[in-house]
Amino acid sequence: MKKFRTSELARELGVSADWLRKAERKGKIPMARRDLNNWRIYTKQDAARIGELLLPRRVKDIAPLGLERSRRPMFTKEIGDEVQQI
């Protein structure tokens, strides 16, 4: 059975290791098992469960299928009635 340390799972899920530790502390994700050195150890099932919990967070960041994100200039300057890209 594949097991992940905190940093490995964080990389797989696209979050920081610190985020995982804080989420566990706040009760947002289930507590991880610990190995003999008291390091957090996650199984594939743990990873899948945490991934499901992250889904609402990720949906906000994803544009709907078939639509591109708007490509507005990052910096603009208004001159009279015109808006110019800087």
N, C-alpha and C. Protein backbone atom coordinates (compact mmCIF):
# COMPACT_ATOMS: atom_id res chain seq x y z
N MET A 1 0.85 -1.18 0.00
CA MET A 1 0.00 0.00 0.00
C MET A 1 0.89 1.24 0.00
N LYS A 2 0.61 2.15 -0.94
CA LYS A 2 1.38 3.39 -1.06
C LYS A 2 1.07 4.30 0.12
N LYS A 3 2.12 4.86 0.70
CA LYS A 3 1.96 5.81 1.80
C LYS A 3 2.68 7.09 1.45
N PHE A 4 2.13 8.21 1.90
CA PHE A 4 2.67 9.53 1.60
C PHE A 4 3.06 10.24 2.88
N ARG A 5 4.16 10.96 2.84
CA ARG A 5 4.47 11.90 3.91
C ARG A 5 3.74 13.20 3.58
N THR A 6 3.74 14.12 4.50
CA THR A 6 3.00 15.38 4.33
C THR A 6 3.43 16.11 3.07
N SER A 7 4.73 16.27 2.85
CA SER A 7 5.20 17.02 1.68
C SER A 7 4.84 16.31 0.38
N GLU A 8 4.86 14.98 0.36
CA GLU A 8 4.51 14.24 -0.84
C GLU A 8 3.04 14.39 -1.17
N LEU A 9 2.19 14.28 -0.15
CA LEU A 9 0.76 14.43 -0.37
C LEU A 9 0.43 15.85 -0.80
N ALA A 10 1.06 16.83 -0.18
CA ALA A 10 0.82 18.23 -0.54
C ALA A 10 1.13 18.45 -2.02
N ARG A 11 2.25 17.92 -2.47
CA ARG A 11 2.64 18.05 -3.88
C ARG A 11 1.60 17.40 -4.79
N GLU A 12 1.13 16.22 -4.41
CA GLU A 12 0.12 15.51 -5.21
C GLU A 12 -1.19 16.30 -5.30
N LEU A 13 -1.57 16.95 -4.20
CA LEU A 13 -2.84 17.67 -4.15
C LEU A 13 -2.75 19.12 -4.60
N GLY A 14 -1.53 19.63 -4.76
CA GLY A 14 -1.37 21.01 -5.20
C GLY A 14 -1.59 22.03 -4.10
N VAL A 15 -1.30 21.64 -2.87
CA VAL A 15 -1.40 22.56 -1.73
C VAL A 15 -0.06 22.52 -1.00
N SER A 16 0.13 23.39 -0.04
CA SER A 16 1.38 23.38 0.71
C SER A 16 1.28 22.40 1.88
N ALA A 17 2.43 21.93 2.32
CA ALA A 17 2.47 21.03 3.48
C ALA A 17 1.93 21.76 4.71
N ASP A 18 2.23 23.04 4.80
CA ASP A 18 1.73 23.84 5.92
C ASP A 18 0.21 23.90 5.91
N TRP A 19 -0.38 23.99 4.72
CA TRP A 19 -1.84 24.02 4.60
C TRP A 19 -2.42 22.73 5.16
N LEU A 20 -1.81 21.59 4.79
CA LEU A 20 -2.30 20.30 5.30
C LEU A 20 -2.24 20.24 6.82
N ARG A 21 -1.13 20.67 7.39
CA ARG A 21 -0.98 20.62 8.85
C ARG A 21 -2.01 21.53 9.53
N LYS A 22 -2.20 22.73 9.00
CA LYS A 22 -3.18 23.66 9.59
C LYS A 22 -4.60 23.13 9.44
N ALA A 23 -4.92 22.56 8.28
CA ALA A 23 -6.26 22.01 8.05
C ALA A 23 -6.54 20.87 9.02
N GLU A 24 -5.54 20.06 9.29
CA GLU A 24 -5.71 18.97 10.26
C GLU A 24 -5.93 19.53 11.66
N ARG A 25 -5.12 20.52 12.02
CA ARG A 25 -5.24 21.13 13.35
C ARG A 25 -6.62 21.75 13.55
N LYS A 26 -7.17 22.36 12.49
CA LYS A 26 -8.48 23.01 12.58
C LYS A 26 -9.64 22.04 12.43
N GLY A 27 -9.33 20.77 12.12
CA GLY A 27 -10.38 19.76 11.98
C GLY A 27 -11.03 19.74 10.61
N LYS A 28 -10.44 20.39 9.62
CA LYS A 28 -11.01 20.43 8.27
C LYS A 28 -10.74 19.14 7.50
N ILE A 29 -9.68 18.45 7.86
CA ILE A 29 -9.37 17.15 7.26
C ILE A 29 -9.13 16.16 8.39
N PRO A 30 -9.31 14.87 8.12
CA PRO A 30 -9.11 13.87 9.18
C PRO A 30 -7.66 13.86 9.67
N MET A 31 -7.49 13.49 10.93
CA MET A 31 -6.14 13.40 11.49
C MET A 31 -5.37 12.28 10.81
N ALA A 32 -4.11 12.53 10.52
CA ALA A 32 -3.26 11.54 9.86
C ALA A 32 -2.75 10.52 10.88
N ARG A 33 -2.46 9.35 10.37
CA ARG A 33 -1.78 8.36 11.21
C ARG A 33 -0.35 8.83 11.41
N ARG A 34 0.32 8.29 12.39
CA ARG A 34 1.72 8.67 12.67
C ARG A 34 2.60 7.44 12.60
N ASP A 35 3.83 7.63 12.14
CA ASP A 35 4.79 6.52 12.13
C ASP A 35 5.57 6.51 13.44
N LEU A 36 6.58 5.68 13.53
CA LEU A 36 7.36 5.57 14.76
C LEU A 36 8.09 6.86 15.14
N ASN A 37 8.39 7.68 14.14
CA ASN A 37 9.05 8.97 14.39
C ASN A 37 8.06 10.10 14.64
N ASN A 38 6.76 9.74 14.71
CA ASN A 38 5.67 10.69 14.91
C ASN A 38 5.44 11.60 13.70
N TRP A 39 5.88 11.16 12.51
CA TRP A 39 5.60 11.89 11.28
C TRP A 39 4.24 11.49 10.77
N ARG A 40 3.54 12.43 10.14
CA ARG A 40 2.24 12.12 9.57
C ARG A 40 2.43 11.20 8.36
N ILE A 41 1.57 10.19 8.28
CA ILE A 41 1.58 9.23 7.17
C ILE A 41 0.16 9.16 6.62
N TYR A 42 0.04 9.31 5.31
CA TYR A 42 -1.26 9.27 4.63
C TYR A 42 -1.29 8.09 3.67
N THR A 43 -2.42 7.41 3.59
CA THR A 43 -2.61 6.32 2.63
C THR A 43 -3.27 6.88 1.37
N LYS A 44 -3.40 6.02 0.35
CA LYS A 44 -4.10 6.44 -0.87
C LYS A 44 -5.55 6.83 -0.55
N GLN A 45 -6.17 6.09 0.38
CA GLN A 45 -7.55 6.40 0.76
C GLN A 45 -7.62 7.76 1.44
N ASP A 46 -6.64 8.08 2.28
CA ASP A 46 -6.60 9.40 2.92
C ASP A 46 -6.46 10.48 1.86
N ALA A 47 -5.57 10.23 0.89
CA ALA A 47 -5.33 11.20 -0.19
C ALA A 47 -6.61 11.44 -0.99
N ALA A 48 -7.34 10.37 -1.29
CA ALA A 48 -8.59 10.51 -2.04
C ALA A 48 -9.61 11.31 -1.25
N ARG A 49 -9.72 11.03 0.03
CA ARG A 49 -10.69 11.74 0.89
C ARG A 49 -10.35 13.23 0.98
N ILE A 50 -9.08 13.53 1.19
CA ILE A 50 -8.67 14.94 1.29
C ILE A 50 -8.87 15.62 -0.05
N GLY A 51 -8.59 14.91 -1.15
CA GLY A 51 -8.83 15.46 -2.49
C GLY A 51 -10.30 15.82 -2.70
N GLU A 52 -11.21 14.96 -2.20
CA GLU A 52 -12.64 15.25 -2.30
C GLU A 52 -13.01 16.48 -1.48
N LEU A 53 -12.40 16.63 -0.32
CA LEU A 53 -12.67 17.80 0.52
C LEU A 53 -12.16 19.07 -0.12
N LEU A 54 -11.11 18.96 -0.95
CA LEU A 54 -10.54 20.12 -1.61
C LEU A 54 -11.32 20.53 -2.85
N LEU A 55 -12.16 19.65 -3.37
CA LEU A 55 -12.84 19.91 -4.62
C LEU A 55 -13.59 21.24 -4.65
N PRO A 56 -14.41 21.59 -3.65
CA PRO A 56 -15.09 22.89 -3.70
C PRO A 56 -14.10 24.06 -3.78
N ARG A 57 -12.96 23.92 -3.14
CA ARG A 57 -11.95 24.98 -3.16
C ARG A 57 -11.38 25.14 -4.57
N ARG A 58 -11.19 24.02 -5.27
CA ARG A 58 -10.60 24.05 -6.60
C ARG A 58 -11.59 24.49 -7.66
N VAL A 59 -12.88 24.20 -7.48
CA VAL A 59 -13.88 24.55 -8.48
C VAL A 59 -13.92 26.06 -8.68
N LYS A 60 -13.71 26.82 -7.62
CA LYS A 60 -13.71 28.28 -7.72
C LYS A 60 -12.60 28.76 -8.65
N ASP A 61 -11.49 28.03 -8.71
CA ASP A 61 -10.33 28.45 -9.50
C ASP A 61 -10.37 27.99 -10.95
N ILE A 62 -11.32 27.13 -11.29
CA ILE A 62 -11.35 26.56 -12.64
C ILE A 62 -12.40 27.27 -13.47
N ALA A 63 -12.01 27.73 -14.67
CA ALA A 63 -12.98 28.33 -15.58
C ALA A 63 -13.88 27.23 -16.12
N PRO A 64 -15.16 27.54 -16.43
CA PRO A 64 -16.05 26.52 -17.01
C PRO A 64 -15.47 25.97 -18.31
N LEU A 65 -15.76 24.72 -18.58
CA LEU A 65 -15.24 24.07 -19.79
C LEU A 65 -15.66 24.84 -21.03
N GLY A 66 -14.74 24.99 -21.95
CA GLY A 66 -15.03 25.67 -23.21
C GLY A 66 -14.90 27.17 -23.14
N LEU A 67 -14.69 27.72 -21.98
CA LEU A 67 -14.54 29.17 -21.85
C LEU A 67 -13.15 29.49 -21.36
N GLU A 68 -12.52 30.44 -21.98
CA GLU A 68 -11.21 30.88 -21.50
C GLU A 68 -11.41 31.96 -20.46
N ARG A 69 -10.44 32.10 -19.59
CA ARG A 69 -10.49 33.21 -18.64
C ARG A 69 -10.30 34.50 -19.41
N SER A 70 -10.89 35.54 -18.93
CA SER A 70 -10.74 36.82 -19.63
C SER A 70 -9.27 37.23 -19.59
N ARG A 71 -8.83 37.81 -20.64
CA ARG A 71 -7.43 38.23 -20.73
C ARG A 71 -7.37 39.75 -20.68
N ARG A 72 -7.70 40.28 -19.54
CA ARG A 72 -7.63 41.73 -19.36
C ARG A 72 -6.21 42.13 -19.05
N PRO A 73 -5.82 43.30 -19.51
CA PRO A 73 -4.47 43.77 -19.16
C PRO A 73 -4.36 43.94 -17.65
N MET A 74 -3.20 43.61 -17.12
CA MET A 74 -3.00 43.69 -15.69
C MET A 74 -3.02 45.15 -15.21
N PHE A 75 -2.40 46.02 -15.96
CA PHE A 75 -2.35 47.42 -15.58
C PHE A 75 -2.93 48.27 -16.70
N THR A 76 -3.82 49.17 -16.35
CA THR A 76 -4.41 50.06 -17.35
C THR A 76 -4.34 51.48 -16.85
N LYS A 77 -4.47 52.41 -17.80
CA LYS A 77 -4.46 53.83 -17.46
C LYS A 77 -5.55 54.50 -18.27
N GLU A 78 -6.42 55.24 -17.60
CA GLU A 78 -7.49 55.93 -18.30
C GLU A 78 -7.00 57.30 -18.75
N ILE A 79 -7.23 57.59 -20.04
CA ILE A 79 -6.89 58.90 -20.59
C ILE A 79 -8.14 59.40 -21.30
N GLY A 80 -8.83 60.34 -20.69
CA GLY A 80 -10.09 60.81 -21.25
C GLY A 80 -11.07 59.66 -21.29
N ASP A 81 -11.60 59.37 -22.49
CA ASP A 81 -12.54 58.27 -22.65
C ASP A 81 -11.85 56.96 -23.02
N GLU A 82 -10.54 56.99 -23.21
CA GLU A 82 -9.80 55.80 -23.62
C GLU A 82 -9.17 55.10 -22.41
N VAL A 83 -9.00 53.81 -22.55
CA VAL A 83 -8.26 53.03 -21.56
C VAL A 83 -7.10 52.40 -22.31
N GLN A 84 -5.89 52.67 -21.84
CA GLN A 84 -4.72 52.13 -22.51
C GLN A 84 -4.04 51.12 -21.60
N GLN A 85 -3.49 50.09 -22.26
CA GLN A 85 -2.72 49.11 -21.50
C GLN A 85 -1.33 49.64 -21.27
N ILE A 86 -0.87 49.49 -20.05
CA ILE A 86 0.48 49.99 -19.71
C ILE A 86 1.45 48.83 -19.81
